[in-house]
Amino acid sequence: MGLLQLCEKYYNTSNLYEVLQISEKASENEVKKAYHKLSLKVHPDRVKEDEKLEATEKFKVLGAVHAILSDKEKRELYDTTKSVDDDNDNVVEDRDWSVYWRGLFKKITEEDIVAYEKEYIGSAEERKDLKNAYLAGKGDLDYIVDHVQFARSEQEPRLRGILTDMIDQGEIPSYKIFTHEPAKKRKRRHAKENCEAQEAEEYKKELVFNSGENSLELMIKQRQESRVKQMDSFLDNLAAKYSETKPKTAKRKVPSKETAAKKRRK
């Protein structure tokens, strides 16, 4: 099956730009960011076991689409003919797209996150994310802190001030759950955050940043599986800023035959 047919099968369109959800005028950087954002959602290492098969196929298709739209000559050919030069049965299968992906996006280090946090806090991007989360959650701060990056308890007074200003300016509606949040609700949220922080600190001690399978990206994934949307945006922004260096390939542990046999007996 050719690439365009696979796009139709897995993404309901044979238009490569629509697969990546970008316009035909998208820049090279916009193509890369779109590919990274979508590929995170279907990366075989990031989905549940029963979703791996389809996710793997979608991941391959996304890689092939990016390989065309990021290549000037291939993109020009596609724009002109709406076809791909090597549209055959092997265009997707004959390449290791995981290696291709790792070659584009390096591992995220602790220093990267610190630098990004400093740049993000107080920015127009944070304000936009805050507004969107407020509207989507109808003023519920539990929802807001789960969907806005770095929205920890010590940041709440500042974030409340920004949102209150938006309310006063008529930019967003006033919700009672925000303006009169019960003290018990706030305490539960802070207690949950403290518990997560302690777990993260304990787990962090077990990791060696930027080495092998114990990457910071893996730690974030395991800590915040319930925050998928925030995670996608977070890694997408970081990758756009820190994606020039190729990472070392992570080695995955393979269970022994004895361990596998024990699991089957259970």
Protein backbone atom coordinates (compact mmCIF):
# COMPACT_ATOMS: atom_id res chain seq x y z
CA MET A 1 0.00 0.00 0.00
CA GLY A 2 1.39 3.42 -0.97
CA LEU A 3 1.92 6.37 1.34
CA LEU A 4 -1.12 8.33 0.17
CA GLN A 5 -3.31 5.27 0.66
CA LEU A 6 -1.89 4.78 4.14
CA CYS A 7 -2.60 8.43 4.95
CA GLU A 8 -6.20 7.88 3.90
CA LYS A 9 -6.42 4.70 5.96
CA TYR A 10 -4.97 6.09 9.20
CA TYR A 11 -5.68 9.82 8.97
CA ASN A 12 -8.76 9.96 6.72
CA THR A 13 -7.05 12.15 4.14
CA SER A 14 -4.50 11.70 1.36
CA ASN A 15 -3.36 15.32 1.70
CA LEU A 16 0.04 15.36 3.44
CA TYR A 17 -0.54 18.85 4.86
CA GLU A 18 -3.85 17.80 6.37
CA VAL A 19 -2.18 14.78 7.96
CA LEU A 20 0.17 17.14 9.84
CA GLN A 21 -2.65 19.66 10.36
CA ILE A 22 -0.72 22.54 8.79
CA SER A 23 -1.20 24.87 5.84
CA GLU A 24 0.56 24.45 2.49
CA LYS A 25 2.52 27.62 3.31
CA ALA A 26 3.92 26.17 6.54
CA SER A 27 7.61 26.86 7.14
CA GLU A 28 10.18 24.10 7.60
CA ASN A 29 10.14 24.71 11.35
CA GLU A 30 6.33 24.56 11.46
CA VAL A 31 6.44 21.24 9.59
CA LYS A 32 8.91 19.88 12.14
CA LYS A 33 6.90 21.09 15.13
CA ALA A 34 3.68 19.62 13.73
CA TYR A 35 5.39 16.29 13.10
CA HIS A 36 6.81 16.22 16.61
CA LYS A 37 3.52 17.11 18.26
CA LEU A 38 1.53 14.45 16.40
CA SER A 39 4.23 11.78 16.59
CA LEU A 40 4.29 12.05 20.39
CA LYS A 41 0.65 10.99 20.46
CA VAL A 42 1.30 7.80 18.50
CA HIS A 43 4.88 7.00 19.45
CA PRO A 44 4.97 3.23 20.10
CA ASP A 45 6.75 3.77 23.43
CA ARG A 46 4.08 6.20 24.65
CA VAL A 47 0.82 4.31 24.15
CA LYS A 48 -0.93 1.45 25.93
CA GLU A 49 -0.03 -2.11 24.97
CA ASP A 50 -3.29 -2.74 23.11
CA GLU A 51 -2.75 0.43 21.03
CA LYS A 52 0.84 -0.27 19.97
CA LEU A 53 0.08 -2.01 16.67
CA GLU A 54 -2.00 0.79 15.15
CA ALA A 55 0.15 3.48 16.77
CA THR A 56 3.25 1.98 15.17
CA GLU A 57 1.67 2.19 11.71
CA LYS A 58 0.53 5.76 12.28
CA PHE A 59 4.00 6.65 13.54
CA LYS A 60 5.57 5.27 10.35
CA VAL A 61 3.16 7.25 8.17
CA LEU A 62 3.92 10.49 10.01
CA GLY A 63 7.64 9.93 9.54
CA ALA A 64 7.21 9.36 5.80
CA VAL A 65 5.05 12.49 5.50
CA HIS A 66 7.62 14.59 7.32
CA ALA A 67 10.44 13.17 5.20
CA ILE A 68 8.69 14.51 2.10
CA LEU A 69 7.51 17.88 3.39
CA SER A 70 10.89 18.63 4.97
CA ASP A 71 12.74 17.94 1.72
CA LYS A 72 12.61 20.92 -0.66
CA GLU A 73 12.65 18.93 -3.92
CA LYS A 74 10.19 16.26 -2.75
CA ARG A 75 7.85 18.92 -1.37
CA GLU A 76 7.91 20.89 -4.62
CA LEU A 77 7.10 17.71 -6.54
CA TYR A 78 4.22 16.91 -4.21
CA ASP A 79 2.88 20.48 -4.36
CA THR A 80 2.89 20.33 -8.15
CA THR A 81 1.55 16.82 -8.74
CA LYS A 82 -0.16 15.92 -5.44
CA SER A 83 1.69 12.63 -5.66
CA VAL A 84 4.91 11.27 -4.19
CA ASP A 85 7.76 10.04 -6.36
CA ASP A 86 8.26 6.76 -4.49
CA ASP A 87 4.61 6.00 -3.76
CA ASN A 88 4.93 2.21 -3.54
CA ASP A 89 4.56 -0.66 -1.10
CA ASN A 90 7.96 -0.10 0.49
CA VAL A 91 7.98 3.67 0.99
CA VAL A 92 6.94 3.36 4.65
CA GLU A 93 8.23 -0.08 5.59
CA ASP A 94 11.82 0.18 4.32
CA ARG A 95 12.99 2.63 6.96
CA ASP A 96 13.44 2.62 10.72
CA TRP A 97 11.30 5.62 11.64
CA SER A 98 12.23 5.42 15.32
CA VAL A 99 15.86 6.09 14.38
CA TYR A 100 14.67 8.87 12.08
CA TRP A 101 12.66 10.41 14.93
CA ARG A 102 15.55 10.25 17.43
CA GLY A 103 17.80 11.91 14.89
CA LEU A 104 15.52 14.95 14.81
CA PHE A 105 14.68 15.37 18.47
CA LYS A 106 17.30 15.20 21.19
CA LYS A 107 16.67 14.21 24.79
CA ILE A 108 15.49 16.99 27.07
CA THR A 109 17.82 17.80 29.95
CA GLU A 110 17.13 19.35 33.33
CA GLU A 111 18.90 22.51 32.16
CA ASP A 112 16.56 22.74 29.16
CA ILE A 113 13.52 22.66 31.41
CA VAL A 114 14.91 25.28 33.79
CA ALA A 115 15.68 27.59 30.87
CA TYR A 116 12.27 27.01 29.32
CA GLU A 117 10.47 27.65 32.62
CA LYS A 118 12.20 31.03 33.01
CA GLU A 119 11.20 31.98 29.49
CA TYR A 120 7.62 30.71 29.81
CA ILE A 121 6.60 32.23 33.14
CA GLY A 122 5.19 35.71 32.60
CA SER A 123 5.13 35.32 28.82
CA ALA A 124 2.28 35.95 26.40
CA GLU A 125 2.22 32.20 25.79
CA GLU A 126 1.56 31.51 29.46
CA ARG A 127 -1.22 34.10 29.50
CA LYS A 128 -2.84 32.48 26.47
CA ASP A 129 -2.58 28.99 27.99
CA LEU A 130 -4.00 30.29 31.26
CA LYS A 131 -6.97 31.88 29.53
CA ASN A 132 -7.71 28.75 27.49
CA ALA A 133 -7.50 26.51 30.56
CA TYR A 134 -9.75 28.87 32.55
CA LEU A 135 -12.41 28.81 29.84
CA ALA A 136 -12.16 25.05 29.24
CA GLY A 137 -12.35 24.31 32.97
CA LYS A 138 -14.97 26.98 33.63
CA GLY A 139 -12.79 28.57 36.28
CA ASP A 140 -11.86 25.36 38.12
CA LEU A 141 -8.29 25.84 39.40
CA ASP A 142 -7.82 22.06 39.70
CA TYR A 143 -8.30 21.90 35.94
CA ILE A 144 -6.16 24.97 35.32
CA VAL A 145 -3.09 23.73 37.21
CA ASP A 146 -3.34 20.42 35.36
CA HIS A 147 -3.28 22.14 31.97
CA VAL A 148 -0.94 25.10 32.43
CA GLN A 149 2.78 24.42 32.57
CA PHE A 150 4.59 25.13 35.86
CA ALA A 151 1.34 26.11 37.59
CA ARG A 152 2.51 25.09 41.05
CA SER A 153 0.96 26.27 44.31
CA GLU A 154 3.53 29.03 44.82
CA GLN A 155 2.47 30.45 41.46
CA GLU A 156 -1.25 30.49 42.28
CA PRO A 157 -1.41 34.05 43.71
CA ARG A 158 0.23 35.40 40.54
CA LEU A 159 -1.98 33.31 38.25
CA ARG A 160 -5.08 34.31 40.19
CA GLY A 161 -4.06 37.93 39.74
CA ILE A 162 -3.73 37.53 35.96
CA LEU A 163 -7.12 35.83 35.69
CA THR A 164 -8.80 38.35 37.99
CA ASP A 165 -7.46 41.13 35.78
CA MET A 166 -8.90 39.37 32.72
CA ILE A 167 -12.27 39.14 34.48
CA ASP A 168 -12.18 42.84 35.39
CA GLN A 169 -11.35 43.70 31.77
CA GLY A 170 -14.26 41.61 30.51
CA GLU A 171 -11.90 39.28 28.67
CA ILE A 172 -13.24 36.17 30.42
CA PRO A 173 -16.44 35.47 32.38
CA SER A 174 -16.53 35.29 36.17
CA TYR A 175 -17.10 31.81 37.58
CA LYS A 176 -18.05 31.36 41.24
CA ILE A 177 -15.86 28.26 41.53
CA PHE A 178 -12.90 30.55 40.82
CA THR A 179 -13.88 33.70 42.71
CA HIS A 180 -15.14 31.78 45.76
CA GLU A 181 -13.10 28.60 45.76
CA PRO A 182 -13.69 26.56 48.97
CA ALA A 183 -10.66 26.36 51.25
CA LYS A 184 -10.99 22.55 51.47
CA LYS A 185 -10.76 22.24 47.70
CA ARG A 186 -7.61 24.35 47.63
CA LYS A 187 -6.02 22.34 50.45
CA ARG A 188 -6.73 19.05 48.66
CA ARG A 189 -5.07 20.39 45.52
CA HIS A 190 -1.97 21.53 47.41
CA ALA A 191 -1.76 18.22 49.30
CA LYS A 192 -1.90 16.33 46.01
CA GLU A 193 0.85 18.51 44.58
CA ASN A 194 3.09 17.94 47.61
CA CYS A 195 2.58 14.19 47.34
CA GLU A 196 3.47 14.22 43.63
CA ALA A 197 6.52 16.37 44.32
CA GLN A 198 7.81 13.91 46.93
CA GLU A 199 7.29 10.96 44.58
CA ALA A 200 9.04 12.83 41.78
CA GLU A 201 12.00 13.68 44.00
CA GLU A 202 12.39 10.07 45.07
CA TYR A 203 12.18 8.89 41.48
CA LYS A 204 14.60 11.56 40.32
CA LYS A 205 17.28 10.16 42.63
CA GLU A 206 17.08 6.88 40.73
CA LEU A 207 17.74 8.50 37.38
CA VAL A 208 20.88 9.67 35.67
CA PHE A 209 19.93 12.63 33.54
CA ASN A 210 20.62 12.27 29.83
CA SER A 211 21.94 8.71 30.02
CA GLY A 212 20.51 5.58 28.45
CA GLU A 213 16.93 4.62 29.13
CA ASN A 214 16.76 6.78 32.29
CA SER A 215 16.06 10.03 30.47
CA LEU A 216 14.33 13.04 31.94
CA GLU A 217 11.71 12.73 29.22
CA LEU A 218 10.87 9.26 30.54
CA MET A 219 10.57 10.59 34.07
CA ILE A 220 8.16 13.30 32.97
CA LYS A 221 6.10 10.74 31.08
CA GLN A 222 5.79 8.46 34.10
CA ARG A 223 4.99 11.33 36.46
CA GLN A 224 2.40 13.02 34.28
CA GLU A 225 0.57 10.34 32.29
CA SER A 226 -2.71 11.97 33.28
CA ARG A 227 -1.59 15.26 31.74
CA VAL A 228 -1.25 14.17 28.12
CA LYS A 229 -2.30 17.45 26.53
CA GLN A 230 0.05 19.48 28.71
CA MET A 231 2.84 17.03 28.01
CA ASP A 232 2.41 17.30 24.24
CA SER A 233 2.57 21.10 24.37
CA PHE A 234 5.47 21.03 26.81
CA LEU A 235 7.68 18.70 24.78
CA ASP A 236 6.64 20.36 21.54
CA ASN A 237 7.86 23.75 22.71
CA LEU A 238 11.08 22.34 24.12
CA ALA A 239 11.84 20.35 20.99
CA ALA A 240 11.44 23.45 18.86
CA LYS A 241 14.02 25.25 20.99
CA TYR A 242 16.47 22.46 21.78
CA SER A 243 16.43 19.98 18.88
CA GLU A 244 19.76 20.49 17.14
CA THR A 245 21.87 17.79 18.84
CA LYS A 246 21.43 14.10 18.10
CA PRO A 247 20.93 11.90 21.17
CA LYS A 248 22.49 8.61 22.03
CA THR A 249 20.26 5.68 21.24
CA ALA A 250 18.59 4.31 24.36
CA LYS A 251 19.02 0.63 25.11
CA ARG A 252 15.88 -1.23 26.08
CA LYS A 253 15.95 -4.07 28.53
CA VAL A 254 14.77 -7.42 27.16
CA PRO A 255 13.32 -9.84 29.72
CA SER A 256 15.05 -13.21 29.99
CA LYS A 257 13.35 -16.40 28.76
CA GLU A 258 12.95 -17.57 32.38
CA THR A 259 11.22 -14.32 33.38
CA ALA A 260 8.90 -14.49 30.39
CA ALA A 261 8.05 -18.11 31.16
CA LYS A 262 7.21 -17.26 34.79
CA LYS A 263 4.88 -14.48 33.63
CA ARG A 264 3.06 -16.86 31.26
CA ARG A 265 2.59 -19.42 34.05
CA LYS A 266 1.03 -16.73 36.23
